[in-house]
Amino acid sequence: MSEHYAQVSVRILDKEYQVACPASERTDLLDSAEILNSKMREIRDSGRVVGLDRIAVMAALNMANDLLHAKERDKAYQGDYSHRLKLISERVETALGGTQPLDL
């Protein structure tokens, strides 16, 4: 079964773009466009970067950097959770290891 596609209109820095995406991802596309628009406005309004292409590249670099930091945090959390689960598992094993099977 093929997925239906939707034409979605997004506005970024007062420019309208038509983007095709799977209908099930329409909301995600709109949310992503809003994040991109916000980041690009922030860069443009800082006055340090001029030109749509340069603003777009800076926004992409900033967002990629944010993504890398988020991945690093996820790895740290995953390692922390794995360590904690191992400690809990060892405690449970210790607690259960001290019990004797019941004779029926």
PDB file of N, CA and C in Angstrom:
ATOM      1  N   MET A   1       0.844  -1.168   0.000  1.00  0.00           N
ATOM      2  CA  MET A   1       0.000   0.000   0.000  1.00  0.00           C
ATOM      3  C   MET A   1       0.899   1.243   0.000  1.00  0.00           C
ATOM      4  N   SER A   2       0.686   2.146  -0.953  1.00  0.00           N
ATOM      5  CA  SER A   2       1.512   3.350  -1.020  1.00  0.00           C
ATOM      6  C   SER A   2       0.933   4.451  -0.145  1.00  0.00           C
ATOM      7  N   GLU A   3       1.838   5.246   0.397  1.00  0.00           N
ATOM      8  CA  GLU A   3       1.428   6.312   1.297  1.00  0.00           C
ATOM      9  C   GLU A   3       1.012   7.528   0.478  1.00  0.00           C
ATOM     10  N   HIS A   4      -0.008   8.239   0.946  1.00  0.00           N
ATOM     11  CA  HIS A   4      -0.483   9.439   0.263  1.00  0.00           C
ATOM     12  C   HIS A   4       0.437  10.604   0.599  1.00  0.00           C
ATOM     13  N   TYR A   5       0.681  11.425  -0.392  1.00  0.00           N
ATOM     14  CA  TYR A   5       1.515  12.601  -0.196  1.00  0.00           C
ATOM     15  C   TYR A   5       0.653  13.854  -0.197  1.00  0.00           C
ATOM     16  N   ALA A   6       1.107  14.839   0.553  1.00  0.00           N
ATOM     17  CA  ALA A   6       0.397  16.105   0.640  1.00  0.00           C
ATOM     18  C   ALA A   6       1.328  17.223   0.202  1.00  0.00           C
ATOM     19  N   GLN A   7       0.780  18.213  -0.459  1.00  0.00           N
ATOM     20  CA  GLN A   7       1.506  19.433  -0.777  1.00  0.00           C
ATOM     21  C   GLN A   7       1.299  20.368   0.405  1.00  0.00           C
ATOM     22  N   VAL A   8       2.383  20.765   1.032  1.00  0.00           N
ATOM     23  CA  VAL A   8       2.312  21.609   2.214  1.00  0.00           C
ATOM     24  C   VAL A   8       2.992  22.935   1.905  1.00  0.00           C
ATOM     25  N   SER A   9       2.332  23.995   2.280  1.00  0.00           N
ATOM     26  CA  SER A   9       2.889  25.326   2.093  1.00  0.00           C
ATOM     27  C   SER A   9       3.526  25.767   3.400  1.00  0.00           C
ATOM     28  N   VAL A  10       4.814  26.128   3.345  1.00  0.00           N
ATOM     29  CA  VAL A  10       5.512  26.619   4.530  1.00  0.00           C
ATOM     30  C   VAL A  10       6.067  28.001   4.222  1.00  0.00           C
ATOM     31  N   ARG A  11       6.119  28.839   5.238  1.00  0.00           N
ATOM     32  CA  ARG A  11       6.646  30.198   5.083  1.00  0.00           C
ATOM     33  C   ARG A  11       7.896  30.324   5.939  1.00  0.00           C
ATOM     34  N   ILE A  12       8.997  30.668   5.258  1.00  0.00           N
ATOM     35  CA  ILE A  12      10.279  30.851   5.939  1.00  0.00           C
ATOM     36  C   ILE A  12      10.852  32.196   5.507  1.00  0.00           C
ATOM     37  N   LEU A  13      11.090  33.056   6.476  1.00  0.00           N
ATOM     38  CA  LEU A  13      11.562  34.416   6.226  1.00  0.00           C
ATOM     39  C   LEU A  13      10.722  35.115   5.158  1.00  0.00           C
ATOM     40  N   ASP A  14       9.422  35.074   5.357  1.00  0.00           N
ATOM     41  CA  ASP A  14       8.450  35.756   4.494  1.00  0.00           C
ATOM     42  C   ASP A  14       8.442  35.245   3.059  1.00  0.00           C
ATOM     43  N   LYS A  15       8.981  34.085   2.833  1.00  0.00           N
ATOM     44  CA  LYS A  15       8.963  33.452   1.521  1.00  0.00           C
ATOM     45  C   LYS A  15       8.182  32.151   1.632  1.00  0.00           C
ATOM     46  N   GLU A  16       7.319  31.909   0.671  1.00  0.00           N
ATOM     47  CA  GLU A  16       6.478  30.717   0.702  1.00  0.00           C
ATOM     48  C   GLU A  16       7.113  29.607  -0.134  1.00  0.00           C
ATOM     49  N   TYR A  17       7.102  28.401   0.408  1.00  0.00           N
ATOM     50  CA  TYR A  17       7.642  27.224  -0.266  1.00  0.00           C
ATOM     51  C   TYR A  17       6.583  26.132  -0.265  1.00  0.00           C
ATOM     52  N   GLN A  18       6.471  25.423  -1.380  1.00  0.00           N
ATOM     53  CA  GLN A  18       5.590  24.266  -1.482  1.00  0.00           C
ATOM     54  C   GLN A  18       6.454  23.017  -1.341  1.00  0.00           C
ATOM     55  N   VAL A  19       6.087  22.171  -0.387  1.00  0.00           N
ATOM     56  CA  VAL A  19       6.880  20.976  -0.111  1.00  0.00           C
ATOM     57  C   VAL A  19       5.954  19.767  -0.115  1.00  0.00           C
ATOM     58  N   ALA A  20       6.371  18.721  -0.792  1.00  0.00           N
ATOM     59  CA  ALA A  20       5.607  17.471  -0.780  1.00  0.00           C
ATOM     60  C   ALA A  20       6.164  16.584   0.321  1.00  0.00           C
ATOM     61  N   CYS A  21       5.258  15.983   1.088  1.00  0.00           N
ATOM     62  CA  CYS A  21       5.690  15.064   2.141  1.00  0.00           C
ATOM     63  C   CYS A  21       4.584  14.046   2.366  1.00  0.00           C
ATOM     64  N   PRO A  22       4.932  12.899   2.977  1.00  0.00           N
ATOM     65  CA  PRO A  22       3.880  11.943   3.317  1.00  0.00           C
ATOM     66  C   PRO A  22       2.833  12.629   4.189  1.00  0.00           C
ATOM     67  N   ALA A  23       1.578  12.363   3.913  1.00  0.00           N
ATOM     68  CA  ALA A  23       0.486  13.009   4.647  1.00  0.00           C
ATOM     69  C   ALA A  23       0.623  12.800   6.148  1.00  0.00           C
ATOM     70  N   SER A  24       1.143  11.666   6.558  1.00  0.00           N
ATOM     71  CA  SER A  24       1.285  11.367   7.984  1.00  0.00           C
ATOM     72  C   SER A  24       2.365  12.225   8.653  1.00  0.00           C
ATOM     73  N   GLU A  25       3.224  12.870   7.855  1.00  0.00           N
ATOM     74  CA  GLU A  25       4.308  13.684   8.407  1.00  0.00           C
ATOM     75  C   GLU A  25       4.062  15.179   8.237  1.00  0.00           C
ATOM     76  N   ARG A  26       2.853  15.558   7.847  1.00  0.00           N
ATOM     77  CA  ARG A  26       2.524  16.965   7.597  1.00  0.00           C
ATOM     78  C   ARG A  26       2.775  17.826   8.831  1.00  0.00           C
ATOM     79  N   THR A  27       2.296  17.392   9.979  1.00  0.00           N
ATOM     80  CA  THR A  27       2.463  18.165  11.209  1.00  0.00           C
ATOM     81  C   THR A  27       3.936  18.317  11.560  1.00  0.00           C
ATOM     82  N   ASP A  28       4.703  17.247  11.410  1.00  0.00           N
ATOM     83  CA  ASP A  28       6.140  17.317  11.690  1.00  0.00           C
ATOM     84  C   ASP A  28       6.838  18.305  10.752  1.00  0.00           C
ATOM     85  N   LEU A  29       6.442  18.316   9.490  1.00  0.00           N
ATOM     86  CA  LEU A  29       7.028  19.253   8.532  1.00  0.00           C
ATOM     87  C   LEU A  29       6.713  20.692   8.934  1.00  0.00           C
ATOM     88  N   LEU A  30       5.474  20.954   9.303  1.00  0.00           N
ATOM     89  CA  LEU A  30       5.092  22.313   9.715  1.00  0.00           C
ATOM     90  C   LEU A  30       5.853  22.740  10.968  1.00  0.00           C
ATOM     91  N   ASP A  31       5.995  21.826  11.922  1.00  0.00           N
ATOM     92  CA  ASP A  31       6.758  22.134  13.138  1.00  0.00           C
ATOM     93  C   ASP A  31       8.227  22.399  12.812  1.00  0.00           C
ATOM     94  N   SER A  32       8.793  21.593  11.922  1.00  0.00           N
ATOM     95  CA  SER A  32      10.191  21.773  11.517  1.00  0.00           C
ATOM     96  C   SER A  32      10.388  23.108  10.810  1.00  0.00           C
ATOM     97  N   ALA A  33       9.446  23.461   9.947  1.00  0.00           N
ATOM     98  CA  ALA A  33       9.535  24.735   9.234  1.00  0.00           C
ATOM     99  C   ALA A  33       9.464  25.902  10.209  1.00  0.00           C
ATOM    100  N   GLU A  34       8.645  25.783  11.236  1.00  0.00           N
ATOM    101  CA  GLU A  34       8.535  26.849  12.233  1.00  0.00           C
ATOM    102  C   GLU A  34       9.840  26.999  13.015  1.00  0.00           C
ATOM    103  N   ILE A  35      10.466  25.883  13.365  1.00  0.00           N
ATOM    104  CA  ILE A  35      11.754  25.936  14.063  1.00  0.00           C
ATOM    105  C   ILE A  35      12.807  26.586  13.174  1.00  0.00           C
ATOM    106  N   LEU A  36      12.860  26.178  11.906  1.00  0.00           N
ATOM    107  CA  LEU A  36      13.819  26.746  10.967  1.00  0.00           C
ATOM    108  C   LEU A  36      13.570  28.240  10.777  1.00  0.00           C
ATOM    109  N   ASN A  37      12.318  28.619  10.597  1.00  0.00           N
ATOM    110  CA  ASN A  37      11.970  30.025  10.424  1.00  0.00           C
ATOM    111  C   ASN A  37      12.416  30.843  11.636  1.00  0.00           C
ATOM    112  N   SER A  38      12.169  30.320  12.816  1.00  0.00           N
ATOM    113  CA  SER A  38      12.548  31.013  14.036  1.00  0.00           C
ATOM    114  C   SER A  38      14.062  31.202  14.122  1.00  0.00           C
ATOM    115  N   LYS A  39      14.802  30.128  13.826  1.00  0.00           N
ATOM    116  CA  LYS A  39      16.267  30.182  13.880  1.00  0.00           C
ATOM    117  C   LYS A  39      16.810  31.167  12.837  1.00  0.00           C
ATOM    118  N   MET A  40      16.242  31.152  11.641  1.00  0.00           N
ATOM    119  CA  MET A  40      16.708  32.049  10.592  1.00  0.00           C
ATOM    120  C   MET A  40      16.380  33.509  10.915  1.00  0.00           C
ATOM    121  N   ARG A  41      15.225  33.753  11.508  1.00  0.00           N
ATOM    122  CA  ARG A  41      14.869  35.120  11.926  1.00  0.00           C
ATOM    123  C   ARG A  41      15.846  35.615  12.997  1.00  0.00           C
ATOM    124  N   GLU A  42      16.161  34.733  13.937  1.00  0.00           N
ATOM    125  CA  GLU A  42      17.105  35.086  15.005  1.00  0.00           C
ATOM    126  C   GLU A  42      18.454  35.502  14.422  1.00  0.00           C
ATOM    127  N   ILE A  43      18.935  34.733  13.453  1.00  0.00           N
ATOM    128  CA  ILE A  43      20.222  35.028  12.818  1.00  0.00           C
ATOM    129  C   ILE A  43      20.136  36.323  12.008  1.00  0.00           C
ATOM    130  N   ARG A  44      19.066  36.466  11.238  1.00  0.00           N
ATOM    131  CA  ARG A  44      18.897  37.683  10.433  1.00  0.00           C
ATOM    132  C   ARG A  44      18.821  38.921  11.328  1.00  0.00           C
ATOM    133  N   ASP A  45      18.041  38.819  12.412  1.00  0.00           N
ATOM    134  CA  ASP A  45      17.830  39.958  13.292  1.00  0.00           C
ATOM    135  C   ASP A  45      19.077  40.335  14.088  1.00  0.00           C
ATOM    136  N   SER A  46      20.033  39.405  14.187  1.00  0.00           N
ATOM    137  CA  SER A  46      21.276  39.732  14.889  1.00  0.00           C
ATOM    138  C   SER A  46      22.093  40.745  14.095  1.00  0.00           C
ATOM    139  N   GLY A  47      21.860  40.793  12.778  1.00  0.00           N
ATOM    140  CA  GLY A  47      22.554  41.748  11.929  1.00  0.00           C
ATOM    141  C   GLY A  47      23.970  41.357  11.554  1.00  0.00           C
ATOM    142  N   ARG A  48      24.434  40.219  12.039  1.00  0.00           N
ATOM    143  CA  ARG A  48      25.815  39.812  11.752  1.00  0.00           C
ATOM    144  C   ARG A  48      25.947  39.034  10.450  1.00  0.00           C
ATOM    145  N   VAL A  49      24.821  38.494   9.958  1.00  0.00           N
ATOM    146  CA  VAL A  49      24.863  37.691   8.738  1.00  0.00           C
ATOM    147  C   VAL A  49      23.882  38.299   7.737  1.00  0.00           C
ATOM    148  N   VAL A  50      24.361  38.505   6.509  1.00  0.00           N
ATOM    149  CA  VAL A  50      23.532  39.110   5.467  1.00  0.00           C
ATOM    150  C   VAL A  50      23.394  38.129   4.315  1.00  0.00           C
ATOM    151  N   GLY A  51      22.222  38.062   3.759  1.00  0.00           N
ATOM    152  CA  GLY A  51      21.973  37.203   2.607  1.00  0.00           C
ATOM    153  C   GLY A  51      21.259  35.932   3.018  1.00  0.00           C
ATOM    154  N   LEU A  52      20.210  35.609   2.273  1.00  0.00           N
ATOM    155  CA  LEU A  52      19.388  34.438   2.594  1.00  0.00           C
ATOM    156  C   LEU A  52      20.194  33.145   2.613  1.00  0.00           C
ATOM    157  N   ASP A  53      21.092  32.971   1.651  1.00  0.00           N
ATOM    158  CA  ASP A  53      21.899  31.744   1.595  1.00  0.00           C
ATOM    159  C   ASP A  53      22.773  31.601   2.837  1.00  0.00           C
ATOM    160  N   ARG A  54      23.410  32.687   3.215  1.00  0.00           N
ATOM    161  CA  ARG A  54      24.292  32.642   4.392  1.00  0.00           C
ATOM    162  C   ARG A  54      23.485  32.415   5.674  1.00  0.00           C
ATOM    163  N   ILE A  55      22.332  33.047   5.761  1.00  0.00           N
ATOM    164  CA  ILE A  55      21.469  32.849   6.928  1.00  0.00           C
ATOM    165  C   ILE A  55      21.042  31.394   7.011  1.00  0.00           C
ATOM    166  N   ALA A  56      20.662  30.808   5.868  1.00  0.00           N
ATOM    167  CA  ALA A  56      20.237  29.404   5.838  1.00  0.00           C
ATOM    168  C   ALA A  56      21.366  28.470   6.252  1.00  0.00           C
ATOM    169  N   VAL A  57      22.578  28.749   5.764  1.00  0.00           N
ATOM    170  CA  VAL A  57      23.727  27.901   6.122  1.00  0.00           C
ATOM    171  C   VAL A  57      24.027  28.011   7.608  1.00  0.00           C
ATOM    172  N   MET A  58      24.007  29.229   8.142  1.00  0.00           N
ATOM    173  CA  MET A  58      24.269  29.408   9.580  1.00  0.00           C
ATOM    174  C   MET A  58      23.201  28.711  10.424  1.00  0.00           C
ATOM    175  N   ALA A  59      21.942  28.821   9.993  1.00  0.00           N
ATOM    176  CA  ALA A  59      20.864  28.141  10.719  1.00  0.00           C
ATOM    177  C   ALA A  59      21.069  26.632  10.680  1.00  0.00           C
ATOM    178  N   ALA A  60      21.431  26.107   9.515  1.00  0.00           N
ATOM    179  CA  ALA A  60      21.669  24.667   9.389  1.00  0.00           C
ATOM    180  C   ALA A  60      22.829  24.216  10.273  1.00  0.00           C
ATOM    181  N   LEU A  61      23.903  24.995  10.291  1.00  0.00           N
ATOM    182  CA  LEU A  61      25.050  24.652  11.136  1.00  0.00           C
ATOM    183  C   LEU A  61      24.681  24.679  12.616  1.00  0.00           C
ATOM    184  N   ASN A  62      23.937  25.713  13.033  1.00  0.00           N
ATOM    185  CA  ASN A  62      23.504  25.794  14.429  1.00  0.00           C
ATOM    186  C   ASN A  62      22.607  24.620  14.810  1.00  0.00           C
ATOM    187  N   MET A  63      21.687  24.278  13.921  1.00  0.00           N
ATOM    188  CA  MET A  63      20.767  23.171  14.208  1.00  0.00           C
ATOM    189  C   MET A  63      21.495  21.826  14.213  1.00  0.00           C
ATOM    190  N   ALA A  64      22.471  21.661  13.319  1.00  0.00           N
ATOM    191  CA  ALA A  64      23.261  20.427  13.314  1.00  0.00           C
ATOM    192  C   ALA A  64      24.073  20.318  14.602  1.00  0.00           C
ATOM    193  N   ASN A  65      24.613  21.433  15.067  1.00  0.00           N
ATOM    194  CA  ASN A  65      25.352  21.447  16.321  1.00  0.00           C
ATOM    195  C   ASN A  65      24.428  21.079  17.494  1.00  0.00           C
ATOM    196  N   ASP A  66      23.226  21.637  17.498  1.00  0.00           N
ATOM    197  CA  ASP A  66      22.246  21.297  18.534  1.00  0.00           C
ATOM    198  C   ASP A  66      21.937  19.801  18.516  1.00  0.00           C
ATOM    199  N   LEU A  67      21.803  19.246  17.312  1.00  0.00           N
ATOM    200  CA  LEU A  67      21.523  17.816  17.169  1.00  0.00           C
ATOM    201  C   LEU A  67      22.667  16.971  17.714  1.00  0.00           C
ATOM    202  N   LEU A  68      23.903  17.355  17.410  1.00  0.00           N
ATOM    203  CA  LEU A  68      25.062  16.616  17.929  1.00  0.00           C
ATOM    204  C   LEU A  68      25.103  16.639  19.453  1.00  0.00           C
ATOM    205  N   HIS A  69      24.827  17.802  20.041  1.00  0.00           N
ATOM    206  CA  HIS A  69      24.813  17.902  21.503  1.00  0.00           C
ATOM    207  C   HIS A  69      23.690  17.062  22.102  1.00  0.00           C
ATOM    208  N   ALA A  70      22.547  17.034  21.448  1.00  0.00           N
ATOM    209  CA  ALA A  70      21.427  16.218  21.933  1.00  0.00           C
ATOM    210  C   ALA A  70      21.785  14.731  21.873  1.00  0.00           C
ATOM    211  N   LYS A  71      22.464  14.319  20.813  1.00  0.00           N
ATOM    212  CA  LYS A  71      22.882  12.920  20.695  1.00  0.00           C
ATOM    213  C   LYS A  71      23.881  12.560  21.788  1.00  0.00           C
ATOM    214  N   GLU A  72      24.803  13.478  22.078  1.00  0.00           N
ATOM    215  CA  GLU A  72      25.780  13.234  23.152  1.00  0.00           C
ATOM    216  C   GLU A  72      25.076  13.091  24.495  1.00  0.00           C
ATOM    217  N   ARG A  73      24.077  13.955  24.757  1.00  0.00           N
ATOM    218  CA  ARG A  73      23.317  13.861  26.016  1.00  0.00           C
ATOM    219  C   ARG A  73      22.562  12.544  26.088  1.00  0.00           C
ATOM    220  N   ASP A  74      21.985  12.119  24.957  1.00  0.00           N
ATOM    221  CA  ASP A  74      21.264  10.854  24.937  1.00  0.00           C
ATOM    222  C   ASP A  74      22.189   9.685  25.257  1.00  0.00           C
ATOM    223  N   LYS A  75      23.397   9.712  24.695  1.00  0.00           N
ATOM    224  CA  LYS A  75      24.370   8.648  24.969  1.00  0.00           C
ATOM    225  C   LYS A  75      24.749   8.635  26.444  1.00  0.00           C
ATOM    226  N   ALA A  76      24.938   9.824  27.014  1.00  0.00           N
ATOM    227  CA  ALA A  76      25.304   9.918  28.433  1.00  0.00           C
ATOM    228  C   ALA A  76      24.174   9.373  29.302  1.00  0.00           C
ATOM    229  N   TYR A  77      22.942   9.768  28.972  1.00  0.00           N
ATOM    230  CA  TYR A  77      21.797   9.266  29.736  1.00  0.00           C
ATOM    231  C   TYR A  77      21.661   7.761  29.586  1.00  0.00           C
ATOM    232  N   GLN A  78      21.848   7.277  28.357  1.00  0.00           N
ATOM    233  CA  GLN A  78      21.723   5.841  28.115  1.00  0.00           C
ATOM    234  C   GLN A  78      22.769   5.075  28.924  1.00  0.00           C
ATOM    235  N   GLY A  79      23.997   5.575  28.954  1.00  0.00           N
ATOM    236  CA  GLY A  79      25.047   4.924  29.734  1.00  0.00           C
ATOM    237  C   GLY A  79      24.732   4.958  31.211  1.00  0.00           C
ATOM    238  N   ASP A  80      24.213   6.085  31.690  1.00  0.00           N
ATOM    239  CA  ASP A  80      23.842   6.224  33.092  1.00  0.00           C
ATOM    240  C   ASP A  80      22.714   5.256  33.442  1.00  0.00           C
ATOM    241  N   TYR A  81      21.714   5.167  32.582  1.00  0.00           N
ATOM    242  CA  TYR A  81      20.597   4.253  32.841  1.00  0.00           C
ATOM    243  C   TYR A  81      21.052   2.804  32.801  1.00  0.00           C
ATOM    244  N   SER A  82      21.923   2.481  31.859  1.00  0.00           N
ATOM    245  CA  SER A  82      22.433   1.102  31.778  1.00  0.00           C
ATOM    246  C   SER A  82      23.184   0.740  33.054  1.00  0.00           C
ATOM    247  N   HIS A  83      23.993   1.660  33.545  1.00  0.00           N
ATOM    248  CA  HIS A  83      24.747   1.426  34.776  1.00  0.00           C
ATOM    249  C   HIS A  83      23.794   1.230  35.958  1.00  0.00           C
ATOM    250  N   ARG A  84      22.793   2.083  36.051  1.00  0.00           N
ATOM    251  CA  ARG A  84      21.826   1.976  37.151  1.00  0.00           C
ATOM    252  C   ARG A  84      21.036   0.673  37.081  1.00  0.00           C
ATOM    253  N   LEU A  85      20.628   0.282  35.872  1.00  0.00           N
ATOM    254  CA  LEU A  85      19.896  -0.974  35.719  1.00  0.00           C
ATOM    255  C   LEU A  85      20.765  -2.167  36.111  1.00  0.00           C
ATOM    256  N   LYS A  86      22.044  -2.103  35.783  1.00  0.00           N
ATOM    257  CA  LYS A  86      22.954  -3.182  36.160  1.00  0.00           C
ATOM    258  C   LYS A  86      23.057  -3.274  37.674  1.00  0.00           C
ATOM    259  N   LEU A  87      23.182  -2.118  38.360  1.00  0.00           N
ATOM    260  CA  LEU A  87      23.255  -2.118  39.827  1.00  0.00           C
ATOM    261  C   LEU A  87      21.977  -2.672  40.446  1.00  0.00           C
ATOM    262  N   ILE A  88      20.838  -2.268  39.900  1.00  0.00           N
ATOM    263  CA  ILE A  88      19.560  -2.771  40.422  1.00  0.00           C
ATOM    264  C   ILE A  88      19.461  -4.270  40.202  1.00  0.00           C
ATOM    265  N   SER A  89      19.865  -4.719  39.022  1.00  0.00           N
ATOM    266  CA  SER A  89      19.827  -6.148  38.719  1.00  0.00           C
ATOM    267  C   SER A  89      20.721  -6.930  39.683  1.00  0.00           C
ATOM    268  N   GLU A  90      21.903  -6.398  39.969  1.00  0.00           N
ATOM    269  CA  GLU A  90      22.803  -7.064  40.910  1.00  0.00           C
ATOM    270  C   GLU A  90      22.196  -7.118  42.309  1.00  0.00           C
ATOM    271  N   ARG A  91      21.543  -6.063  42.730  1.00  0.00           N
ATOM    272  CA  ARG A  91      20.895  -6.043  44.042  1.00  0.00           C
ATOM    273  C   ARG A  91      19.772  -7.064  44.118  1.00  0.00           C
ATOM    274  N   VAL A  92      18.992  -7.150  43.040  1.00  0.00           N
ATOM    275  CA  VAL A  92      17.894  -8.124  43.007  1.00  0.00           C
ATOM    276  C   VAL A  92      18.458  -9.542  43.056  1.00  0.00           C
ATOM    277  N   GLU A  93      19.510  -9.797  42.277  1.00  0.00           N
ATOM    278  CA  GLU A  93      20.132 -11.117  42.273  1.00  0.00           C
ATOM    279  C   GLU A  93      20.683 -11.465  43.655  1.00  0.00           C
ATOM    280  N   THR A  94      21.312 -10.492  44.311  1.00  0.00           N
ATOM    281  CA  THR A  94      21.840 -10.708  45.657  1.00  0.00           C
ATOM    282  C   THR A  94      20.714 -11.017  46.621  1.00  0.00           C
ATOM    283  N   ALA A  95      19.644 -10.263  46.537  1.00  0.00           N
ATOM    284  CA  ALA A  95      18.506 -10.460  47.441  1.00  0.00           C
ATOM    285  C   ALA A  95      17.850 -11.811  47.192  1.00  0.00           C
ATOM    286  N   LEU A  96      17.714 -12.179  45.948  1.00  0.00           N
ATOM    287  CA  LEU A  96      17.077 -13.477  45.630  1.00  0.00           C
ATOM    288  C   LEU A  96      18.022 -14.637  45.885  1.00  0.00           C
ATOM    289  N   GLY A  97      19.315 -14.395  45.767  1.00  0.00           N
ATOM    290  CA  GLY A  97      20.290 -15.463  45.979  1.00  0.00           C
ATOM    291  C   GLY A  97      20.331 -15.943  47.398  1.00  0.00           C
ATOM    292  N   GLY A  98      19.908 -15.134  48.352  1.00  0.00           N
ATOM    293  CA  GLY A  98      19.929 -15.504  49.746  1.00  0.00           C
ATOM    294  C   GLY A  98      18.722 -16.326  50.164  1.00  0.00           C
ATOM    295  N   THR A  99      17.777 -16.515  49.284  1.00  0.00           N
ATOM    296  CA  THR A  99      16.572 -17.287  49.661  1.00  0.00           C
ATOM    297  C   THR A  99      16.763 -18.747  49.328  1.00  0.00           C
ATOM    298  N   GLN A 100      16.129 -19.586  50.096  1.00  0.00           N
ATOM    299  CA  GLN A 100      16.179 -21.021  49.875  1.00  0.00           C
ATOM    300  C   GLN A 100      14.883 -21.479  49.199  1.00  0.00           C
ATOM    301  N   PRO A 101      14.985 -22.434  48.280  1.00  0.00           N
ATOM    302  CA  PRO A 101      13.770 -22.949  47.669  1.00  0.00           C
ATOM    303  C   PRO A 101      12.910 -23.651  48.722  1.00  0.00           C
ATOM    304  N   LEU A 102      11.630 -23.544  48.556  1.00  0.00           N
ATOM    305  CA  LEU A 102      10.690 -24.186  49.492  1.00  0.00           C
ATOM    306  C   LEU A 102      10.552 -25.672  49.172  1.00  0.00           C
ATOM    307  N   ASP A 103      10.571 -26.517  50.222  1.00  0.00           N
ATOM    308  CA  ASP A 103      10.326 -27.947  50.041  1.00  0.00           C
ATOM    309  C   ASP A 103       8.828 -28.168  50.134  1.00  0.00           C
ATOM    310  N   LEU A 104       8.251 -28.717  49.117  1.00  0.00           N
ATOM    311  CA  LEU A 104       6.813 -28.996  49.151  1.00  0.00           C
ATOM    312  C   LEU A 104       6.538 -30.431  49.297  1.00  0.00           C
TER     313      LEU A 104
END
